[in-house]
Each structure stands twice: as C-alpha cells, then as structure tokens.
Amino acid sequence: MELKSIYEEKRKQAMFRAKCRWIENGEHPTRYFFNLEKSNYNKKTISELRLPYDSITCNETVILEQIKDYYRNLYTSDLAFSETAYDKFTENVESPKPSEDVQGTLEGPLTYEECKKITETFQNDKAPGEDGFTVAFYTYFLIF
C-alpha cells in the first residue's frame, strides 16, 4: 500500500511537471509521462558548457561555478565610488529646466480633464502601472 502511494505521488509530480492538461483522473503512470518529464528537464538544464580556452565540461559542479563566476564578474565593478569622480562625470550634463509657466502647471491638484485625457491615450485591456488595474478600471471610475 505504501509503495502504491509513493508511485501515485510520483505520478502526480510527473504529470504536473510535464504540464499535461489533458490527463484524465486515475490514469496510471506510464513511460510516456516520465519521458516527457525528462525531456522538459533536459530542455531547461545546461548539460555542457564551453570553458575558457575552448575546453568543454559536462561536470555539473564546474558548470554551476562558471555560471556563478560569470554573473559575479558581470555585476562587479572595478571602479570605487568617489564624489569627485561623480562630480567630474556629471559636470557637463545639462538637464533642461521647465519655464516658470510650465512649472506652475506641473504643480497642483489633478483635474478631471487631465485624467480623462491621459486615459484616452492608453491601450484597452492593458495595465499602465504595476498595480495591475486596466484602463477599463480607470475609465469606469472617471465616469462616476
């Protein structure tokens, strides 16, 4: 009974990982599902990696180390931060400043007309921000 429950659990895991939506309840584990799971696993796994000096490795530990080193080097800077270097880098940067008239329109409460005008520029069924609310949500509440 315990062995049967272990096989049942493995079957469920294999079906889930194989992403087969059309499996009927109660179907027994088959070689097909395990092969499909293995195929999906192999597609996601780096099994070989070309190392510096054109050597190739299949060793999983070496592959993981190389990936770790690659990203460590990618996101590591040789430059140390200093305010003088930053000031020198930004000394010729010109950022345009809005005129007095434009500055006055940028500050203050949002008007109904501004909100309505901006929602008309959005694509339907798209969320313009990170909150996930679509344009339909905003336009619905602009009406009321």
N, C-alpha and C. Protein backbone atom coordinates (compact mmCIF):
# COMPACT_ATOMS: atom_id res chain seq x y z
N MET A 1 0.84 -1.19 0.00
CA MET A 1 0.00 0.00 0.00
C MET A 1 0.88 1.25 0.00
N GLU A 2 1.96 1.20 0.81
CA GLU A 2 2.87 2.35 0.89
C GLU A 2 3.57 2.58 -0.44
N LEU A 3 3.98 1.49 -1.10
CA LEU A 3 4.63 1.59 -2.41
C LEU A 3 3.67 2.17 -3.45
N LYS A 4 2.41 1.78 -3.36
CA LYS A 4 1.40 2.30 -4.28
C LYS A 4 1.23 3.81 -4.08
N SER A 5 1.22 4.26 -2.84
CA SER A 5 1.06 5.70 -2.59
C SER A 5 2.30 6.48 -3.06
N ILE A 6 3.48 5.87 -2.95
CA ILE A 6 4.71 6.52 -3.45
C ILE A 6 4.63 6.67 -4.96
N TYR A 7 4.21 5.59 -5.65
CA TYR A 7 4.06 5.67 -7.11
C TYR A 7 3.00 6.69 -7.51
N GLU A 8 1.94 6.76 -6.75
CA GLU A 8 0.87 7.72 -7.05
C GLU A 8 1.39 9.15 -6.91
N GLU A 9 2.18 9.39 -5.87
CA GLU A 9 2.76 10.73 -5.66
C GLU A 9 3.73 11.07 -6.78
N LYS A 10 4.55 10.11 -7.18
CA LYS A 10 5.49 10.34 -8.30
C LYS A 10 4.72 10.61 -9.59
N ARG A 11 3.63 9.91 -9.79
CA ARG A 11 2.80 10.11 -10.98
C ARG A 11 2.24 11.53 -11.00
N LYS A 12 1.73 11.99 -9.88
CA LYS A 12 1.17 13.34 -9.80
C LYS A 12 2.24 14.39 -10.07
N GLN A 13 3.42 14.18 -9.49
CA GLN A 13 4.51 15.13 -9.70
C GLN A 13 4.94 15.15 -11.16
N ALA A 14 5.02 13.97 -11.77
CA ALA A 14 5.43 13.88 -13.17
C ALA A 14 4.40 14.55 -14.07
N MET A 15 3.14 14.32 -13.80
CA MET A 15 2.09 14.94 -14.61
C MET A 15 2.13 16.45 -14.46
N PHE A 16 2.37 16.93 -13.26
CA PHE A 16 2.44 18.38 -13.03
C PHE A 16 3.62 18.98 -13.78
N ARG A 17 4.77 18.36 -13.64
CA ARG A 17 5.98 18.89 -14.28
C ARG A 17 5.90 18.76 -15.79
N ALA A 18 5.23 17.76 -16.30
CA ALA A 18 5.11 17.57 -17.74
C ALA A 18 4.10 18.54 -18.35
N LYS A 19 3.35 19.22 -17.51
CA LYS A 19 2.38 20.22 -17.93
C LYS A 19 1.36 19.64 -18.92
N CYS A 20 0.88 18.47 -18.61
CA CYS A 20 -0.13 17.84 -19.45
C CYS A 20 -1.49 18.15 -18.87
N ARG A 21 -2.24 18.99 -19.52
CA ARG A 21 -3.55 19.40 -19.01
C ARG A 21 -4.65 18.41 -19.37
N TRP A 22 -4.38 17.56 -20.34
CA TRP A 22 -5.42 16.69 -20.85
C TRP A 22 -5.43 15.32 -20.21
N ILE A 23 -4.72 15.13 -19.14
CA ILE A 23 -4.67 13.83 -18.47
C ILE A 23 -5.96 13.61 -17.68
N GLU A 24 -6.56 12.47 -17.84
CA GLU A 24 -7.77 12.16 -17.10
C GLU A 24 -7.40 11.65 -15.71
N ASN A 25 -8.27 11.91 -14.75
CA ASN A 25 -8.02 11.42 -13.39
C ASN A 25 -7.98 9.90 -13.38
N GLY A 26 -7.06 9.38 -12.61
CA GLY A 26 -6.97 7.93 -12.44
C GLY A 26 -6.09 7.23 -13.46
N GLU A 27 -5.53 7.98 -14.41
CA GLU A 27 -4.65 7.33 -15.38
C GLU A 27 -3.37 6.90 -14.69
N HIS A 28 -2.87 5.76 -15.02
CA HIS A 28 -1.69 5.20 -14.36
C HIS A 28 -0.41 5.81 -14.92
N PRO A 29 0.64 5.83 -14.11
CA PRO A 29 1.90 6.36 -14.62
C PRO A 29 2.40 5.51 -15.78
N THR A 30 2.82 6.18 -16.81
CA THR A 30 3.32 5.46 -17.99
C THR A 30 4.70 5.97 -18.33
N ARG A 31 5.38 5.21 -19.16
CA ARG A 31 6.71 5.59 -19.61
C ARG A 31 6.64 6.93 -20.36
N TYR A 32 5.54 7.17 -21.07
CA TYR A 32 5.37 8.40 -21.84
C TYR A 32 5.51 9.63 -20.95
N PHE A 33 4.81 9.65 -19.81
CA PHE A 33 4.84 10.81 -18.93
C PHE A 33 6.23 11.03 -18.33
N PHE A 34 6.89 9.95 -17.96
CA PHE A 34 8.23 10.09 -17.39
C PHE A 34 9.22 10.56 -18.46
N ASN A 35 9.06 10.08 -19.70
CA ASN A 35 9.92 10.56 -20.78
C ASN A 35 9.65 12.02 -21.10
N LEU A 36 8.38 12.41 -21.04
CA LEU A 36 8.02 13.81 -21.27
C LEU A 36 8.62 14.70 -20.19
N GLU A 37 8.56 14.24 -18.96
CA GLU A 37 9.16 15.00 -17.85
C GLU A 37 10.66 15.11 -18.03
N LYS A 38 11.29 14.03 -18.41
CA LYS A 38 12.74 14.04 -18.63
C LYS A 38 13.11 14.98 -19.77
N SER A 39 12.31 14.98 -20.82
CA SER A 39 12.55 15.87 -21.96
C SER A 39 12.44 17.33 -21.54
N ASN A 40 11.42 17.66 -20.75
CA ASN A 40 11.25 19.04 -20.27
C ASN A 40 12.41 19.44 -19.36
N TYR A 41 12.87 18.51 -18.54
CA TYR A 41 14.00 18.79 -17.65
C TYR A 41 15.26 19.05 -18.47
N ASN A 42 15.48 18.23 -19.50
CA ASN A 42 16.68 18.38 -20.32
C ASN A 42 16.68 19.68 -21.10
N LYS A 43 15.51 20.18 -21.47
CA LYS A 43 15.44 21.45 -22.19
C LYS A 43 15.84 22.62 -21.31
N LYS A 44 15.62 22.50 -20.01
CA LYS A 44 15.88 23.58 -19.08
C LYS A 44 17.26 23.51 -18.44
N THR A 45 17.99 22.46 -18.69
CA THR A 45 19.25 22.22 -18.00
C THR A 45 20.43 22.41 -18.94
N ILE A 46 21.47 23.05 -18.44
CA ILE A 46 22.71 23.19 -19.19
C ILE A 46 23.53 21.94 -18.92
N SER A 47 23.69 21.12 -19.94
CA SER A 47 24.41 19.86 -19.73
C SER A 47 25.87 19.95 -20.16
N GLU A 48 26.19 20.91 -21.02
CA GLU A 48 27.56 21.12 -21.46
C GLU A 48 27.85 22.61 -21.46
N LEU A 49 29.10 22.95 -21.18
CA LEU A 49 29.48 24.35 -21.18
C LEU A 49 30.89 24.48 -21.72
N ARG A 50 31.06 25.43 -22.63
CA ARG A 50 32.39 25.70 -23.18
C ARG A 50 33.11 26.62 -22.21
N LEU A 51 34.25 26.15 -21.76
CA LEU A 51 35.05 26.90 -20.80
C LEU A 51 36.05 27.78 -21.54
N PRO A 52 36.71 28.68 -20.82
CA PRO A 52 37.76 29.46 -21.48
C PRO A 52 38.80 28.52 -22.09
N TYR A 53 39.43 28.96 -23.13
CA TYR A 53 40.44 28.19 -23.87
C TYR A 53 39.82 26.99 -24.58
N ASP A 54 38.53 27.11 -24.93
CA ASP A 54 37.81 26.14 -25.77
C ASP A 54 37.73 24.72 -25.23
N SER A 55 37.84 24.53 -23.95
CA SER A 55 37.59 23.20 -23.40
C SER A 55 36.11 23.11 -23.04
N ILE A 56 35.56 21.90 -23.04
CA ILE A 56 34.15 21.67 -22.78
C ILE A 56 34.03 20.79 -21.55
N THR A 57 33.06 21.12 -20.68
CA THR A 57 32.83 20.31 -19.49
C THR A 57 31.37 19.87 -19.42
N CYS A 58 31.18 18.72 -18.84
CA CYS A 58 29.84 18.19 -18.56
C CYS A 58 29.61 18.08 -17.05
N ASN A 59 30.62 18.45 -16.27
CA ASN A 59 30.55 18.35 -14.82
C ASN A 59 29.61 19.43 -14.28
N GLU A 60 28.55 19.00 -13.60
CA GLU A 60 27.53 19.93 -13.11
C GLU A 60 28.11 20.95 -12.13
N THR A 61 29.02 20.51 -11.27
CA THR A 61 29.62 21.42 -10.29
C THR A 61 30.44 22.49 -10.98
N VAL A 62 31.21 22.11 -11.99
CA VAL A 62 32.03 23.07 -12.74
C VAL A 62 31.13 24.04 -13.50
N ILE A 63 30.06 23.54 -14.08
CA ILE A 63 29.13 24.39 -14.81
C ILE A 63 28.53 25.44 -13.88
N LEU A 64 28.07 25.01 -12.71
CA LEU A 64 27.48 25.95 -11.75
C LEU A 64 28.50 26.99 -11.28
N GLU A 65 29.73 26.57 -11.06
CA GLU A 65 30.79 27.50 -10.66
C GLU A 65 31.06 28.54 -11.75
N GLN A 66 31.10 28.09 -13.00
CA GLN A 66 31.34 29.00 -14.12
C GLN A 66 30.21 30.02 -14.25
N ILE A 67 28.98 29.56 -14.08
CA ILE A 67 27.83 30.47 -14.15
C ILE A 67 27.90 31.49 -13.02
N LYS A 68 28.22 31.01 -11.82
CA LYS A 68 28.34 31.90 -10.67
C LYS A 68 29.45 32.92 -10.90
N ASP A 69 30.59 32.50 -11.39
CA ASP A 69 31.69 33.42 -11.67
C ASP A 69 31.33 34.43 -12.75
N TYR A 70 30.63 33.96 -13.78
CA TYR A 70 30.22 34.86 -14.86
C TYR A 70 29.37 36.01 -14.33
N TYR A 71 28.34 35.68 -13.53
CA TYR A 71 27.46 36.73 -13.02
C TYR A 71 28.14 37.57 -11.94
N ARG A 72 29.04 36.98 -11.18
CA ARG A 72 29.79 37.76 -10.19
C ARG A 72 30.63 38.81 -10.92
N ASN A 73 31.32 38.42 -11.99
CA ASN A 73 32.13 39.36 -12.75
C ASN A 73 31.27 40.38 -13.50
N LEU A 74 30.12 39.94 -13.98
CA LEU A 74 29.24 40.84 -14.71
C LEU A 74 28.73 41.98 -13.84
N TYR A 75 28.40 41.69 -12.60
CA TYR A 75 27.82 42.69 -11.72
C TYR A 75 28.79 43.27 -10.71
N THR A 76 30.08 43.11 -10.95
CA THR A 76 31.09 43.68 -10.07
C THR A 76 31.83 44.76 -10.84
N SER A 77 32.01 45.88 -10.20
CA SER A 77 32.71 46.99 -10.83
C SER A 77 34.12 47.10 -10.27
N ASP A 78 35.05 47.45 -11.14
CA ASP A 78 36.43 47.67 -10.69
C ASP A 78 36.61 49.08 -10.14
N LEU A 79 35.64 49.94 -10.43
CA LEU A 79 35.74 51.33 -10.01
C LEU A 79 35.18 51.52 -8.61
N ALA A 80 35.87 52.30 -7.82
CA ALA A 80 35.38 52.64 -6.49
C ALA A 80 34.64 53.97 -6.58
N PHE A 81 33.58 54.12 -5.84
CA PHE A 81 32.80 55.35 -5.88
C PHE A 81 33.53 56.45 -5.12
N SER A 82 33.55 57.62 -5.73
CA SER A 82 34.06 58.80 -5.04
C SER A 82 33.25 59.98 -5.53
N GLU A 83 33.04 60.92 -4.64
CA GLU A 83 32.25 62.10 -5.01
C GLU A 83 32.94 62.93 -6.07
N THR A 84 34.27 63.01 -6.02
CA THR A 84 34.98 63.81 -7.03
C THR A 84 34.84 63.17 -8.41
N ALA A 85 34.92 61.84 -8.50
CA ALA A 85 34.75 61.17 -9.79
C ALA A 85 33.33 61.37 -10.30
N TYR A 86 32.34 61.30 -9.40
CA TYR A 86 30.95 61.53 -9.80
C TYR A 86 30.75 62.96 -10.28
N ASP A 87 31.31 63.92 -9.55
CA ASP A 87 31.19 65.32 -9.95
C ASP A 87 31.84 65.57 -11.30
N LYS A 88 32.97 64.96 -11.54
CA LYS A 88 33.66 65.11 -12.82
C LYS A 88 32.83 64.50 -13.95
N PHE A 89 32.23 63.34 -13.67
CA PHE A 89 31.41 62.66 -14.67
C PHE A 89 30.17 63.47 -15.04
N THR A 90 29.57 64.15 -14.07
CA THR A 90 28.32 64.87 -14.30
C THR A 90 28.49 66.36 -14.52
N GLU A 91 29.72 66.87 -14.58
CA GLU A 91 29.90 68.32 -14.67
C GLU A 91 29.38 68.91 -15.97
N ASN A 92 29.40 68.16 -17.06
CA ASN A 92 28.93 68.68 -18.35
C ASN A 92 27.52 68.23 -18.71
N VAL A 93 26.86 67.58 -17.79
CA VAL A 93 25.50 67.13 -18.05
C VAL A 93 24.55 68.31 -17.89
N GLU A 94 23.78 68.55 -18.94
CA GLU A 94 22.79 69.63 -18.88
C GLU A 94 21.41 69.01 -18.82
N SER A 95 20.68 69.35 -17.78
CA SER A 95 19.31 68.89 -17.69
C SER A 95 18.40 70.10 -17.87
N PRO A 96 17.51 70.03 -18.84
CA PRO A 96 16.65 71.18 -19.12
C PRO A 96 15.70 71.44 -17.96
N LYS A 97 15.49 72.70 -17.69
CA LYS A 97 14.55 73.08 -16.63
C LYS A 97 13.34 73.73 -17.27
N PRO A 98 12.14 73.36 -16.79
CA PRO A 98 10.93 73.95 -17.37
C PRO A 98 10.82 75.44 -17.04
N SER A 99 10.15 76.15 -17.91
CA SER A 99 9.96 77.58 -17.68
C SER A 99 9.02 77.80 -16.50
N GLU A 100 8.93 79.03 -16.07
CA GLU A 100 8.07 79.37 -14.92
C GLU A 100 6.61 79.00 -15.20
N ASP A 101 6.13 79.24 -16.43
CA ASP A 101 4.74 78.91 -16.76
C ASP A 101 4.49 77.40 -16.67
N VAL A 102 5.43 76.63 -17.21
CA VAL A 102 5.28 75.17 -17.18
C VAL A 102 5.38 74.65 -15.75
N GLN A 103 6.27 75.23 -14.95
CA GLN A 103 6.41 74.81 -13.56
C GLN A 103 5.09 75.00 -12.81
N GLY A 104 4.40 76.08 -13.10
CA GLY A 104 3.11 76.34 -12.44
C GLY A 104 2.06 75.31 -12.79
N THR A 105 2.09 74.80 -14.03
CA THR A 105 1.09 73.80 -14.42
C THR A 105 1.44 72.40 -13.92
N LEU A 106 2.71 72.17 -13.60
CA LEU A 106 3.12 70.85 -13.13
C LEU A 106 2.73 70.60 -11.68
N GLU A 107 2.62 71.65 -10.93
CA GLU A 107 2.26 71.51 -9.52
C GLU A 107 0.79 71.83 -9.33
N GLY A 108 0.17 71.16 -8.39
CA GLY A 108 -1.23 71.41 -8.09
C GLY A 108 -2.03 70.14 -8.21
N PRO A 109 -3.29 70.21 -7.88
CA PRO A 109 -4.14 69.00 -7.92
C PRO A 109 -4.44 68.58 -9.37
N LEU A 110 -4.64 67.28 -9.54
CA LEU A 110 -5.03 66.76 -10.85
C LEU A 110 -6.47 67.16 -11.15
N THR A 111 -6.74 67.49 -12.39
CA THR A 111 -8.11 67.84 -12.77
C THR A 111 -8.75 66.64 -13.47
N TYR A 112 -10.06 66.66 -13.54
CA TYR A 112 -10.81 65.61 -14.21
C TYR A 112 -10.42 65.54 -15.69
N GLU A 113 -10.27 66.69 -16.31
CA GLU A 113 -9.93 66.74 -17.73
C GLU A 113 -8.56 66.10 -18.00
N GLU A 114 -7.59 66.36 -17.12
CA GLU A 114 -6.27 65.77 -17.29
C GLU A 114 -6.34 64.24 -17.20
N CYS A 115 -7.08 63.75 -16.22
CA CYS A 115 -7.20 62.30 -16.03
C CYS A 115 -7.90 61.66 -17.23
N LYS A 116 -8.96 62.28 -17.70
CA LYS A 116 -9.69 61.73 -18.84
C LYS A 116 -8.82 61.73 -20.10
N LYS A 117 -8.09 62.81 -20.31
CA LYS A 117 -7.24 62.93 -21.50
C LYS A 117 -6.13 61.87 -21.50
N ILE A 118 -5.54 61.62 -20.35
CA ILE A 118 -4.45 60.65 -20.29
C ILE A 118 -4.96 59.22 -20.45
N THR A 119 -6.14 58.90 -19.92
CA THR A 119 -6.67 57.54 -20.08
C THR A 119 -7.04 57.24 -21.52
N GLU A 120 -7.33 58.26 -22.31
CA GLU A 120 -7.65 58.05 -23.73
C GLU A 120 -6.41 57.65 -24.53
N THR A 121 -5.23 57.90 -24.01
CA THR A 121 -4.01 57.54 -24.73
C THR A 121 -3.58 56.10 -24.46
N PHE A 122 -4.14 55.45 -23.43
CA PHE A 122 -3.76 54.09 -23.08
C PHE A 122 -4.42 53.07 -24.01
N GLN A 123 -3.78 51.90 -24.15
CA GLN A 123 -4.37 50.80 -24.89
C GLN A 123 -5.40 50.10 -24.01
N ASN A 124 -6.48 49.65 -24.63
CA ASN A 124 -7.50 48.93 -23.87
C ASN A 124 -6.95 47.60 -23.37
N ASP A 125 -7.46 47.14 -22.26
CA ASP A 125 -7.09 45.87 -21.64
C ASP A 125 -5.60 45.78 -21.30
N LYS A 126 -4.97 46.90 -21.08
CA LYS A 126 -3.58 46.93 -20.64
C LYS A 126 -3.52 47.63 -19.29
N ALA A 127 -2.61 47.19 -18.46
CA ALA A 127 -2.42 47.81 -17.15
C ALA A 127 -1.27 48.80 -17.27
N PRO A 128 -1.53 50.10 -17.14
CA PRO A 128 -0.48 51.09 -17.33
C PRO A 128 0.52 51.15 -16.19
N GLY A 129 0.21 50.56 -15.07
CA GLY A 129 1.12 50.62 -13.92
C GLY A 129 1.35 49.26 -13.32
N GLU A 130 2.03 49.25 -12.19
CA GLU A 130 2.36 47.99 -11.53
C GLU A 130 1.21 47.44 -10.69
N ASP A 131 0.17 48.22 -10.51
CA ASP A 131 -0.94 47.77 -9.67
C ASP A 131 -1.82 46.73 -10.36
N GLY A 132 -1.72 46.59 -11.68
CA GLY A 132 -2.50 45.60 -12.40
C GLY A 132 -3.88 46.06 -12.82
N PHE A 133 -4.25 47.29 -12.49
CA PHE A 133 -5.55 47.80 -12.90
C PHE A 133 -5.51 48.19 -14.37
N THR A 134 -6.51 47.75 -15.12
CA THR A 134 -6.55 48.04 -16.55
C THR A 134 -7.15 49.42 -16.79
N VAL A 135 -7.07 49.85 -18.04
CA VAL A 135 -7.63 51.15 -18.43
C VAL A 135 -9.14 51.16 -18.19
N ALA A 136 -9.80 50.03 -18.40
CA ALA A 136 -11.24 49.94 -18.18
C ALA A 136 -11.59 50.28 -16.73
N PHE A 137 -10.75 49.87 -15.80
CA PHE A 137 -10.97 50.17 -14.39
C PHE A 137 -10.96 51.69 -14.17
N TYR A 138 -9.94 52.33 -14.72
CA TYR A 138 -9.81 53.78 -14.52
C TYR A 138 -10.93 54.56 -15.21
N THR A 139 -11.25 54.16 -16.43
CA THR A 139 -12.30 54.89 -17.15
C THR A 139 -13.67 54.69 -16.47
N TYR A 140 -13.90 53.52 -15.89
CA TYR A 140 -15.16 53.28 -15.18
C TYR A 140 -15.31 54.28 -14.03
N PHE A 141 -14.23 54.48 -13.27
CA PHE A 141 -14.32 55.36 -12.12
C PHE A 141 -14.23 56.83 -12.51
N LEU A 142 -13.76 57.14 -13.70
CA LEU A 142 -13.78 58.52 -14.16
C LEU A 142 -15.20 58.96 -14.50
N ILE A 143 -16.05 58.01 -14.90
CA ILE A 143 -17.42 58.35 -15.25
C ILE A 143 -18.22 58.73 -14.01
N PHE A 144 -17.95 58.04 -12.89
CA PHE A 144 -18.74 58.28 -11.69
C PHE A 144 -18.12 59.30 -10.80
